[in-house]
Amino acid sequence: MALLFSEKGILIAVTLIGIAMCSVGIGQVAARGAWLHPLSLLGYLLGTLILVIVGAALLGVKLPLIDSARAATYAVIALAILKIALTQFHRVLA
């Protein structure tokens, strides 16, 4: 129970929620067959960056400007918001 309310537990929860939300965006890409669209590629890059940050935080690797699980959580949330905005922009263009 202690892990659930720890900084790493919150980071894991935020990441799992983000992965679930990502299915909406990737579903749109698949429906349109827009796998190589520049906005899709940017989405992949942001998702990869999020996973690198989470992995580094869980393994205790310090990244520039991200030196704790709390900082990693903030970075993941900020990048997820950017990714959601990108998905909405991509939807408007279609």
PDB file of N, CA and C in Angstrom:
ATOM      1  N   MET A   1       0.816  -1.189   0.000  1.00  0.00           N
ATOM      2  CA  MET A   1       0.000   0.000   0.000  1.00  0.00           C
ATOM      3  C   MET A   1       0.862   1.257   0.000  1.00  0.00           C
ATOM      4  N   ALA A   2       2.038   1.156   0.624  1.00  0.00           N
ATOM      5  CA  ALA A   2       2.918   2.322   0.697  1.00  0.00           C
ATOM      6  C   ALA A   2       3.421   2.717  -0.691  1.00  0.00           C
ATOM      7  N   LEU A   3       3.651   1.730  -1.562  1.00  0.00           N
ATOM      8  CA  LEU A   3       4.127   2.040  -2.908  1.00  0.00           C
ATOM      9  C   LEU A   3       3.097   2.854  -3.681  1.00  0.00           C
ATOM     10  N   LEU A   4       1.825   2.558  -3.481  1.00  0.00           N
ATOM     11  CA  LEU A   4       0.766   3.249  -4.211  1.00  0.00           C
ATOM     12  C   LEU A   4       0.792   4.755  -3.964  1.00  0.00           C
ATOM     13  N   PHE A   5       1.111   5.157  -2.747  1.00  0.00           N
ATOM     14  CA  PHE A   5       1.102   6.574  -2.405  1.00  0.00           C
ATOM     15  C   PHE A   5       2.500   7.189  -2.381  1.00  0.00           C
ATOM     16  N   SER A   6       3.482   6.466  -2.881  1.00  0.00           N
ATOM     17  CA  SER A   6       4.833   7.014  -2.975  1.00  0.00           C
ATOM     18  C   SER A   6       4.961   7.802  -4.273  1.00  0.00           C
ATOM     19  N   GLU A   7       6.048   8.541  -4.397  1.00  0.00           N
ATOM     20  CA  GLU A   7       6.259   9.315  -5.627  1.00  0.00           C
ATOM     21  C   GLU A   7       6.370   8.401  -6.841  1.00  0.00           C
ATOM     22  N   LYS A   8       7.049   7.269  -6.686  1.00  0.00           N
ATOM     23  CA  LYS A   8       7.165   6.335  -7.807  1.00  0.00           C
ATOM     24  C   LYS A   8       5.827   5.683  -8.124  1.00  0.00           C
ATOM     25  N   GLY A   9       5.033   5.409  -7.113  1.00  0.00           N
ATOM     26  CA  GLY A   9       3.705   4.832  -7.341  1.00  0.00           C
ATOM     27  C   GLY A   9       2.806   5.778  -8.121  1.00  0.00           C
ATOM     28  N   ILE A  10       2.880   7.059  -7.764  1.00  0.00           N
ATOM     29  CA  ILE A  10       2.089   8.058  -8.479  1.00  0.00           C
ATOM     30  C   ILE A  10       2.582   8.182  -9.922  1.00  0.00           C
ATOM     31  N   LEU A  11       3.896   8.135 -10.118  1.00  0.00           N
ATOM     32  CA  LEU A  11       4.458   8.181 -11.471  1.00  0.00           C
ATOM     33  C   LEU A  11       3.958   6.999 -12.299  1.00  0.00           C
ATOM     34  N   ILE A  12       3.944   5.820 -11.707  1.00  0.00           N
ATOM     35  CA  ILE A  12       3.458   4.632 -12.419  1.00  0.00           C
ATOM     36  C   ILE A  12       1.975   4.790 -12.765  1.00  0.00           C
ATOM     37  N   ALA A  13       1.178   5.276 -11.821  1.00  0.00           N
ATOM     38  CA  ALA A  13      -0.256   5.461 -12.065  1.00  0.00           C
ATOM     39  C   ALA A  13      -0.496   6.469 -13.191  1.00  0.00           C
ATOM     40  N   VAL A  14       0.210   7.597 -13.148  1.00  0.00           N
ATOM     41  CA  VAL A  14       0.064   8.614 -14.198  1.00  0.00           C
ATOM     42  C   VAL A  14       0.461   8.031 -15.554  1.00  0.00           C
ATOM     43  N   THR A  15       1.508   7.239 -15.569  1.00  0.00           N
ATOM     44  CA  THR A  15       1.974   6.635 -16.821  1.00  0.00           C
ATOM     45  C   THR A  15       0.947   5.646 -17.371  1.00  0.00           C
ATOM     46  N   LEU A  16       0.381   4.813 -16.506  1.00  0.00           N
ATOM     47  CA  LEU A  16      -0.617   3.848 -16.961  1.00  0.00           C
ATOM     48  C   LEU A  16      -1.874   4.544 -17.480  1.00  0.00           C
ATOM     49  N   ILE A  17      -2.286   5.607 -16.824  1.00  0.00           N
ATOM     50  CA  ILE A  17      -3.435   6.379 -17.307  1.00  0.00           C
ATOM     51  C   ILE A  17      -3.104   6.991 -18.673  1.00  0.00           C
ATOM     52  N   GLY A  18      -1.897   7.504 -18.822  1.00  0.00           N
ATOM     53  CA  GLY A  18      -1.473   8.082 -20.098  1.00  0.00           C
ATOM     54  C   GLY A  18      -1.433   7.057 -21.215  1.00  0.00           C
ATOM     55  N   ILE A  19      -0.967   5.862 -20.905  1.00  0.00           N
ATOM     56  CA  ILE A  19      -0.928   4.801 -21.912  1.00  0.00           C
ATOM     57  C   ILE A  19      -2.348   4.453 -22.358  1.00  0.00           C
ATOM     58  N   ALA A  20      -3.264   4.399 -21.409  1.00  0.00           N
ATOM     59  CA  ALA A  20      -4.661   4.115 -21.763  1.00  0.00           C
ATOM     60  C   ALA A  20      -5.229   5.226 -22.646  1.00  0.00           C
ATOM     61  N   MET A  21      -4.917   6.472 -22.310  1.00  0.00           N
ATOM     62  CA  MET A  21      -5.408   7.600 -23.110  1.00  0.00           C
ATOM     63  C   MET A  21      -4.775   7.618 -24.498  1.00  0.00           C
ATOM     64  N   CYS A  22      -3.583   7.110 -24.603  1.00  0.00           N
ATOM     65  CA  CYS A  22      -2.864   7.114 -25.882  1.00  0.00           C
ATOM     66  C   CYS A  22      -3.588   6.268 -26.928  1.00  0.00           C
ATOM     67  N   SER A  23      -4.351   5.307 -26.489  1.00  0.00           N
ATOM     68  CA  SER A  23      -5.056   4.451 -27.444  1.00  0.00           C
ATOM     69  C   SER A  23      -6.026   5.252 -28.314  1.00  0.00           C
ATOM     70  N   VAL A  24      -6.532   6.361 -27.797  1.00  0.00           N
ATOM     71  CA  VAL A  24      -7.431   7.213 -28.589  1.00  0.00           C
ATOM     72  C   VAL A  24      -6.679   7.797 -29.781  1.00  0.00           C
ATOM     73  N   GLY A  25      -5.519   8.357 -29.518  1.00  0.00           N
ATOM     74  CA  GLY A  25      -4.730   8.969 -30.588  1.00  0.00           C
ATOM     75  C   GLY A  25      -4.234   7.961 -31.600  1.00  0.00           C
ATOM     76  N   ILE A  26      -3.725   6.840 -31.113  1.00  0.00           N
ATOM     77  CA  ILE A  26      -3.200   5.841 -32.038  1.00  0.00           C
ATOM     78  C   ILE A  26      -4.332   5.194 -32.824  1.00  0.00           C
ATOM     79  N   GLY A  27      -5.522   5.145 -32.235  1.00  0.00           N
ATOM     80  CA  GLY A  27      -6.686   4.635 -32.960  1.00  0.00           C
ATOM     81  C   GLY A  27      -7.042   5.525 -34.133  1.00  0.00           C
ATOM     82  N   GLN A  28      -6.923   6.845 -33.928  1.00  0.00           N
ATOM     83  CA  GLN A  28      -7.184   7.787 -35.023  1.00  0.00           C
ATOM     84  C   GLN A  28      -6.154   7.630 -36.131  1.00  0.00           C
ATOM     85  N   VAL A  29      -4.916   7.454 -35.745  1.00  0.00           N
ATOM     86  CA  VAL A  29      -3.843   7.273 -36.732  1.00  0.00           C
ATOM     87  C   VAL A  29      -4.095   6.001 -37.533  1.00  0.00           C
ATOM     88  N   ALA A  30      -4.459   4.933 -36.855  1.00  0.00           N
ATOM     89  CA  ALA A  30      -4.706   3.660 -37.537  1.00  0.00           C
ATOM     90  C   ALA A  30      -5.913   3.754 -38.467  1.00  0.00           C
ATOM     91  N   ALA A  31      -6.971   4.419 -38.008  1.00  0.00           N
ATOM     92  CA  ALA A  31      -8.186   4.536 -38.824  1.00  0.00           C
ATOM     93  C   ALA A  31      -7.915   5.290 -40.118  1.00  0.00           C
ATOM     94  N   ARG A  32      -7.034   6.272 -40.051  1.00  0.00           N
ATOM     95  CA  ARG A  32      -6.717   7.072 -41.247  1.00  0.00           C
ATOM     96  C   ARG A  32      -5.557   6.488 -42.050  1.00  0.00           C
ATOM     97  N   GLY A  33      -4.841   5.551 -41.470  1.00  0.00           N
ATOM     98  CA  GLY A  33      -3.646   5.025 -42.134  1.00  0.00           C
ATOM     99  C   GLY A  33      -2.537   6.062 -42.200  1.00  0.00           C
ATOM    100  N   ALA A  34      -2.502   6.955 -41.220  1.00  0.00           N
ATOM    101  CA  ALA A  34      -1.547   8.069 -41.219  1.00  0.00           C
ATOM    102  C   ALA A  34      -0.325   7.765 -40.354  1.00  0.00           C
ATOM    103  N   TRP A  35       0.197   6.558 -40.471  1.00  0.00           N
ATOM    104  CA  TRP A  35       1.307   6.125 -39.626  1.00  0.00           C
ATOM    105  C   TRP A  35       2.549   6.992 -39.793  1.00  0.00           C
ATOM    106  N   LEU A  36       2.785   7.532 -40.982  1.00  0.00           N
ATOM    107  CA  LEU A  36       4.001   8.308 -41.239  1.00  0.00           C
ATOM    108  C   LEU A  36       3.735   9.803 -41.355  1.00  0.00           C
ATOM    109  N   HIS A  37       2.554  10.252 -40.946  1.00  0.00           N
ATOM    110  CA  HIS A  37       2.250  11.684 -40.942  1.00  0.00           C
ATOM    111  C   HIS A  37       3.188  12.368 -39.946  1.00  0.00           C
ATOM    112  N   PRO A  38       3.687  13.568 -40.268  1.00  0.00           N
ATOM    113  CA  PRO A  38       4.617  14.251 -39.356  1.00  0.00           C
ATOM    114  C   PRO A  38       4.084  14.424 -37.928  1.00  0.00           C
ATOM    115  N   LEU A  39       2.789  14.687 -37.773  1.00  0.00           N
ATOM    116  CA  LEU A  39       2.237  14.823 -36.424  1.00  0.00           C
ATOM    117  C   LEU A  39       2.189  13.475 -35.704  1.00  0.00           C
ATOM    118  N   SER A  40       1.989  12.400 -36.450  1.00  0.00           N
ATOM    119  CA  SER A  40       2.040  11.068 -35.850  1.00  0.00           C
ATOM    120  C   SER A  40       3.459  10.772 -35.374  1.00  0.00           C
ATOM    121  N   LEU A  41       4.427  11.095 -36.202  1.00  0.00           N
ATOM    122  CA  LEU A  41       5.823  10.869 -35.827  1.00  0.00           C
ATOM    123  C   LEU A  41       6.205  11.683 -34.593  1.00  0.00           C
ATOM    124  N   LEU A  42       5.701  12.903 -34.509  1.00  0.00           N
ATOM    125  CA  LEU A  42       5.954  13.721 -33.321  1.00  0.00           C
ATOM    126  C   LEU A  42       5.304  13.091 -32.090  1.00  0.00           C
ATOM    127  N   GLY A  43       4.131  12.534 -32.253  1.00  0.00           N
ATOM    128  CA  GLY A  43       3.464  11.831 -31.152  1.00  0.00           C
ATOM    129  C   GLY A  43       4.269  10.632 -30.682  1.00  0.00           C
ATOM    130  N   TYR A  44       4.824   9.872 -31.630  1.00  0.00           N
ATOM    131  CA  TYR A  44       5.666   8.731 -31.260  1.00  0.00           C
ATOM    132  C   TYR A  44       6.876   9.214 -30.473  1.00  0.00           C
ATOM    133  N   LEU A  45       7.471  10.312 -30.925  1.00  0.00           N
ATOM    134  CA  LEU A  45       8.655  10.857 -30.260  1.00  0.00           C
ATOM    135  C   LEU A  45       8.323  11.296 -28.830  1.00  0.00           C
ATOM    136  N   LEU A  46       7.195  11.978 -28.663  1.00  0.00           N
ATOM    137  CA  LEU A  46       6.796  12.405 -27.319  1.00  0.00           C
ATOM    138  C   LEU A  46       6.522  11.200 -26.422  1.00  0.00           C
ATOM    139  N   GLY A  47       5.854  10.195 -26.954  1.00  0.00           N
ATOM    140  CA  GLY A  47       5.583   8.984 -26.179  1.00  0.00           C
ATOM    141  C   GLY A  47       6.857   8.277 -25.765  1.00  0.00           C
ATOM    142  N   THR A  48       7.812   8.216 -26.675  1.00  0.00           N
ATOM    143  CA  THR A  48       9.100   7.599 -26.363  1.00  0.00           C
ATOM    144  C   THR A  48       9.824   8.387 -25.285  1.00  0.00           C
ATOM    145  N   LEU A  49       9.807   9.701 -25.395  1.00  0.00           N
ATOM    146  CA  LEU A  49      10.437  10.553 -24.388  1.00  0.00           C
ATOM    147  C   LEU A  49       9.803  10.335 -23.014  1.00  0.00           C
ATOM    148  N   ILE A  50       8.487  10.229 -22.985  1.00  0.00           N
ATOM    149  CA  ILE A  50       7.787   9.961 -21.725  1.00  0.00           C
ATOM    150  C   ILE A  50       8.268   8.642 -21.131  1.00  0.00           C
ATOM    151  N   LEU A  51       8.341   7.597 -21.946  1.00  0.00           N
ATOM    152  CA  LEU A  51       8.767   6.293 -21.444  1.00  0.00           C
ATOM    153  C   LEU A  51      10.220   6.300 -20.972  1.00  0.00           C
ATOM    154  N   VAL A  52      11.075   7.060 -21.640  1.00  0.00           N
ATOM    155  CA  VAL A  52      12.475   7.186 -21.208  1.00  0.00           C
ATOM    156  C   VAL A  52      12.539   7.865 -19.844  1.00  0.00           C
ATOM    157  N   ILE A  53      11.771   8.925 -19.677  1.00  0.00           N
ATOM    158  CA  ILE A  53      11.753   9.642 -18.392  1.00  0.00           C
ATOM    159  C   ILE A  53      11.249   8.726 -17.283  1.00  0.00           C
ATOM    160  N   VAL A  54      10.174   7.994 -17.538  1.00  0.00           N
ATOM    161  CA  VAL A  54       9.626   7.083 -16.527  1.00  0.00           C
ATOM    162  C   VAL A  54      10.643   5.996 -16.191  1.00  0.00           C
ATOM    163  N   GLY A  55      11.224   5.403 -17.214  1.00  0.00           N
ATOM    164  CA  GLY A  55      12.221   4.353 -16.980  1.00  0.00           C
ATOM    165  C   GLY A  55      13.404   4.855 -16.178  1.00  0.00           C
ATOM    166  N   ALA A  56      13.894   6.033 -16.527  1.00  0.00           N
ATOM    167  CA  ALA A  56      15.030   6.601 -15.804  1.00  0.00           C
ATOM    168  C   ALA A  56      14.663   6.860 -14.348  1.00  0.00           C
ATOM    169  N   ALA A  57      13.476   7.397 -14.120  1.00  0.00           N
ATOM    170  CA  ALA A  57      13.048   7.696 -12.741  1.00  0.00           C
ATOM    171  C   ALA A  57      12.908   6.419 -11.923  1.00  0.00           C
ATOM    172  N   LEU A  58      12.336   5.388 -12.519  1.00  0.00           N
ATOM    173  CA  LEU A  58      12.136   4.137 -11.782  1.00  0.00           C
ATOM    174  C   LEU A  58      13.454   3.417 -11.509  1.00  0.00           C
ATOM    175  N   LEU A  59      14.435   3.628 -12.384  1.00  0.00           N
ATOM    176  CA  LEU A  59      15.741   2.998 -12.195  1.00  0.00           C
ATOM    177  C   LEU A  59      16.710   3.880 -11.406  1.00  0.00           C
ATOM    178  N   GLY A  60      16.276   5.076 -11.044  1.00  0.00           N
ATOM    179  CA  GLY A  60      17.121   5.964 -10.252  1.00  0.00           C
ATOM    180  C   GLY A  60      18.166   6.720 -11.051  1.00  0.00           C
ATOM    181  N   VAL A  61      17.991   6.798 -12.363  1.00  0.00           N
ATOM    182  CA  VAL A  61      18.928   7.527 -13.222  1.00  0.00           C
ATOM    183  C   VAL A  61      18.543   9.000 -13.226  1.00  0.00           C
ATOM    184  N   LYS A  62      19.504   9.862 -12.952  1.00  0.00           N
ATOM    185  CA  LYS A  62      19.245  11.301 -12.947  1.00  0.00           C
ATOM    186  C   LYS A  62      19.372  11.837 -14.371  1.00  0.00           C
ATOM    187  N   LEU A  63      18.359  12.561 -14.801  1.00  0.00           N
ATOM    188  CA  LEU A  63      18.373  13.220 -16.108  1.00  0.00           C
ATOM    189  C   LEU A  63      18.517  14.717 -15.884  1.00  0.00           C
ATOM    190  N   PRO A  64      18.978  15.457 -16.883  1.00  0.00           N
ATOM    191  CA  PRO A  64      19.048  16.911 -16.721  1.00  0.00           C
ATOM    192  C   PRO A  64      17.658  17.477 -16.398  1.00  0.00           C
ATOM    193  N   LEU A  65      17.559  18.259 -15.353  1.00  0.00           N
ATOM    194  CA  LEU A  65      16.339  18.899 -14.870  1.00  0.00           C
ATOM    195  C   LEU A  65      15.337  17.925 -14.247  1.00  0.00           C
ATOM    196  N   ILE A  66      15.621  16.641 -14.266  1.00  0.00           N
ATOM    197  CA  ILE A  66      14.717  15.637 -13.696  1.00  0.00           C
ATOM    198  C   ILE A  66      15.541  14.765 -12.750  1.00  0.00           C
ATOM    199  N   ASP A  67      15.519  15.140 -11.478  1.00  0.00           N
ATOM    200  CA  ASP A  67      16.375  14.445 -10.517  1.00  0.00           C
ATOM    201  C   ASP A  67      15.612  13.642  -9.472  1.00  0.00           C
ATOM    202  N   SER A  68      14.278  13.533  -9.644  1.00  0.00           N
ATOM    203  CA  SER A  68      13.483  12.775  -8.681  1.00  0.00           C
ATOM    204  C   SER A  68      12.242  12.224  -9.379  1.00  0.00           C
ATOM    205  N   ALA A  69      11.571  11.314  -8.695  1.00  0.00           N
ATOM    206  CA  ALA A  69      10.329  10.761  -9.245  1.00  0.00           C
ATOM    207  C   ALA A  69       9.266  11.850  -9.342  1.00  0.00           C
ATOM    208  N   ARG A  70       9.288  12.791  -8.408  1.00  0.00           N
ATOM    209  CA  ARG A  70       8.311  13.894  -8.452  1.00  0.00           C
ATOM    210  C   ARG A  70       8.546  14.762  -9.687  1.00  0.00           C
ATOM    211  N   ALA A  71       9.802  15.109  -9.955  1.00  0.00           N
ATOM    212  CA  ALA A  71      10.120  15.907 -11.140  1.00  0.00           C
ATOM    213  C   ALA A  71       9.763  15.132 -12.411  1.00  0.00           C
ATOM    214  N   ALA A  72       9.987  13.822 -12.395  1.00  0.00           N
ATOM    215  CA  ALA A  72       9.627  12.987 -13.548  1.00  0.00           C
ATOM    216  C   ALA A  72       8.109  12.989 -13.755  1.00  0.00           C
ATOM    217  N   THR A  73       7.355  12.938 -12.664  1.00  0.00           N
ATOM    218  CA  THR A  73       5.893  12.975 -12.771  1.00  0.00           C
ATOM    219  C   THR A  73       5.438  14.282 -13.404  1.00  0.00           C
ATOM    220  N   TYR A  74       6.005  15.390 -12.955  1.00  0.00           N
ATOM    221  CA  TYR A  74       5.654  16.688 -13.539  1.00  0.00           C
ATOM    222  C   TYR A  74       6.007  16.728 -15.024  1.00  0.00           C
ATOM    223  N   ALA A  75       7.179  16.205 -15.381  1.00  0.00           N
ATOM    224  CA  ALA A  75       7.595  16.196 -16.783  1.00  0.00           C
ATOM    225  C   ALA A  75       6.672  15.326 -17.621  1.00  0.00           C
ATOM    226  N   VAL A  76       6.298  14.166 -17.094  1.00  0.00           N
ATOM    227  CA  VAL A  76       5.402  13.260 -17.813  1.00  0.00           C
ATOM    228  C   VAL A  76       4.038  13.921 -18.016  1.00  0.00           C
ATOM    229  N   ILE A  77       3.516  14.578 -16.991  1.00  0.00           N
ATOM    230  CA  ILE A  77       2.223  15.248 -17.117  1.00  0.00           C
ATOM    231  C   ILE A  77       2.295  16.366 -18.154  1.00  0.00           C
ATOM    232  N   ALA A  78       3.371  17.154 -18.121  1.00  0.00           N
ATOM    233  CA  ALA A  78       3.529  18.250 -19.089  1.00  0.00           C
ATOM    234  C   ALA A  78       3.614  17.698 -20.516  1.00  0.00           C
ATOM    235  N   LEU A  79       4.395  16.649 -20.713  1.00  0.00           N
ATOM    236  CA  LEU A  79       4.518  16.059 -22.051  1.00  0.00           C
ATOM    237  C   LEU A  79       3.210  15.399 -22.485  1.00  0.00           C
ATOM    238  N   ALA A  80       2.476  14.820 -21.543  1.00  0.00           N
ATOM    239  CA  ALA A  80       1.185  14.209 -21.876  1.00  0.00           C
ATOM    240  C   ALA A  80       0.183  15.273 -22.320  1.00  0.00           C
ATOM    241  N   ILE A  81       0.193  16.424 -21.645  1.00  0.00           N
ATOM    242  CA  ILE A  81      -0.686  17.523 -22.057  1.00  0.00           C
ATOM    243  C   ILE A  81      -0.326  17.967 -23.469  1.00  0.00           C
ATOM    244  N   LEU A  82       0.959  18.070 -23.749  1.00  0.00           N
ATOM    245  CA  LEU A  82       1.414  18.431 -25.095  1.00  0.00           C
ATOM    246  C   LEU A  82       0.970  17.377 -26.109  1.00  0.00           C
ATOM    247  N   LYS A  83       1.066  16.120 -25.731  1.00  0.00           N
ATOM    248  CA  LYS A  83       0.662  15.028 -26.627  1.00  0.00           C
ATOM    249  C   LYS A  83      -0.849  15.052 -26.885  1.00  0.00           C
ATOM    250  N   ILE A  84      -1.631  15.364 -25.859  1.00  0.00           N
ATOM    251  CA  ILE A  84      -3.086  15.482 -26.032  1.00  0.00           C
ATOM    252  C   ILE A  84      -3.410  16.648 -26.963  1.00  0.00           C
ATOM    253  N   ALA A  85      -2.725  17.769 -26.779  1.00  0.00           N
ATOM    254  CA  ALA A  85      -2.940  18.923 -27.658  1.00  0.00           C
ATOM    255  C   ALA A  85      -2.571  18.567 -29.103  1.00  0.00           C
ATOM    256  N   LEU A  86      -1.494  17.828 -29.271  1.00  0.00           N
ATOM    257  CA  LEU A  86      -1.083  17.392 -30.606  1.00  0.00           C
ATOM    258  C   LEU A  86      -2.151  16.489 -31.233  1.00  0.00           C
ATOM    259  N   THR A  87      -2.723  15.607 -30.444  1.00  0.00           N
ATOM    260  CA  THR A  87      -3.795  14.730 -30.944  1.00  0.00           C
ATOM    261  C   THR A  87      -5.006  15.534 -31.395  1.00  0.00           C
ATOM    262  N   GLN A  88      -5.355  16.536 -30.617  1.00  0.00           N
ATOM    263  CA  GLN A  88      -6.500  17.381 -30.971  1.00  0.00           C
ATOM    264  C   GLN A  88      -6.205  18.187 -32.246  1.00  0.00           C
ATOM    265  N   PHE A  89      -4.993  18.694 -32.370  1.00  0.00           N
ATOM    266  CA  PHE A  89      -4.591  19.438 -33.562  1.00  0.00           C
ATOM    267  C   PHE A  89      -4.631  18.522 -34.783  1.00  0.00           C
ATOM    268  N   HIS A  90      -4.150  17.300 -34.620  1.00  0.00           N
ATOM    269  CA  HIS A  90      -4.148  16.329 -35.706  1.00  0.00           C
ATOM    270  C   HIS A  90      -5.584  16.006 -36.128  1.00  0.00           C
ATOM    271  N   ARG A  91      -6.487  15.917 -35.142  1.00  0.00           N
ATOM    272  CA  ARG A  91      -7.896  15.632 -35.434  1.00  0.00           C
ATOM    273  C   ARG A  91      -8.521  16.779 -36.246  1.00  0.00           C
ATOM    274  N   VAL A  92      -8.170  18.018 -35.907  1.00  0.00           N
ATOM    275  CA  VAL A  92      -8.718  19.183 -36.613  1.00  0.00           C
ATOM    276  C   VAL A  92      -8.246  19.212 -38.071  1.00  0.00           C
ATOM    277  N   LEU A  93      -7.006  18.808 -38.298  1.00  0.00           N
ATOM    278  CA  LEU A  93      -6.462  18.824 -39.649  1.00  0.00           C
ATOM    279  C   LEU A  93      -7.069  17.744 -40.545  1.00  0.00           C
ATOM    280  N   ALA A  94      -7.600  16.701 -39.944  1.00  0.00           N
ATOM    281  CA  ALA A  94      -8.105  15.579 -40.756  1.00  0.00           C
ATOM    282  C   ALA A  94      -9.443  15.879 -41.388  1.00  0.00           C
TER     283      ALA A  94
END
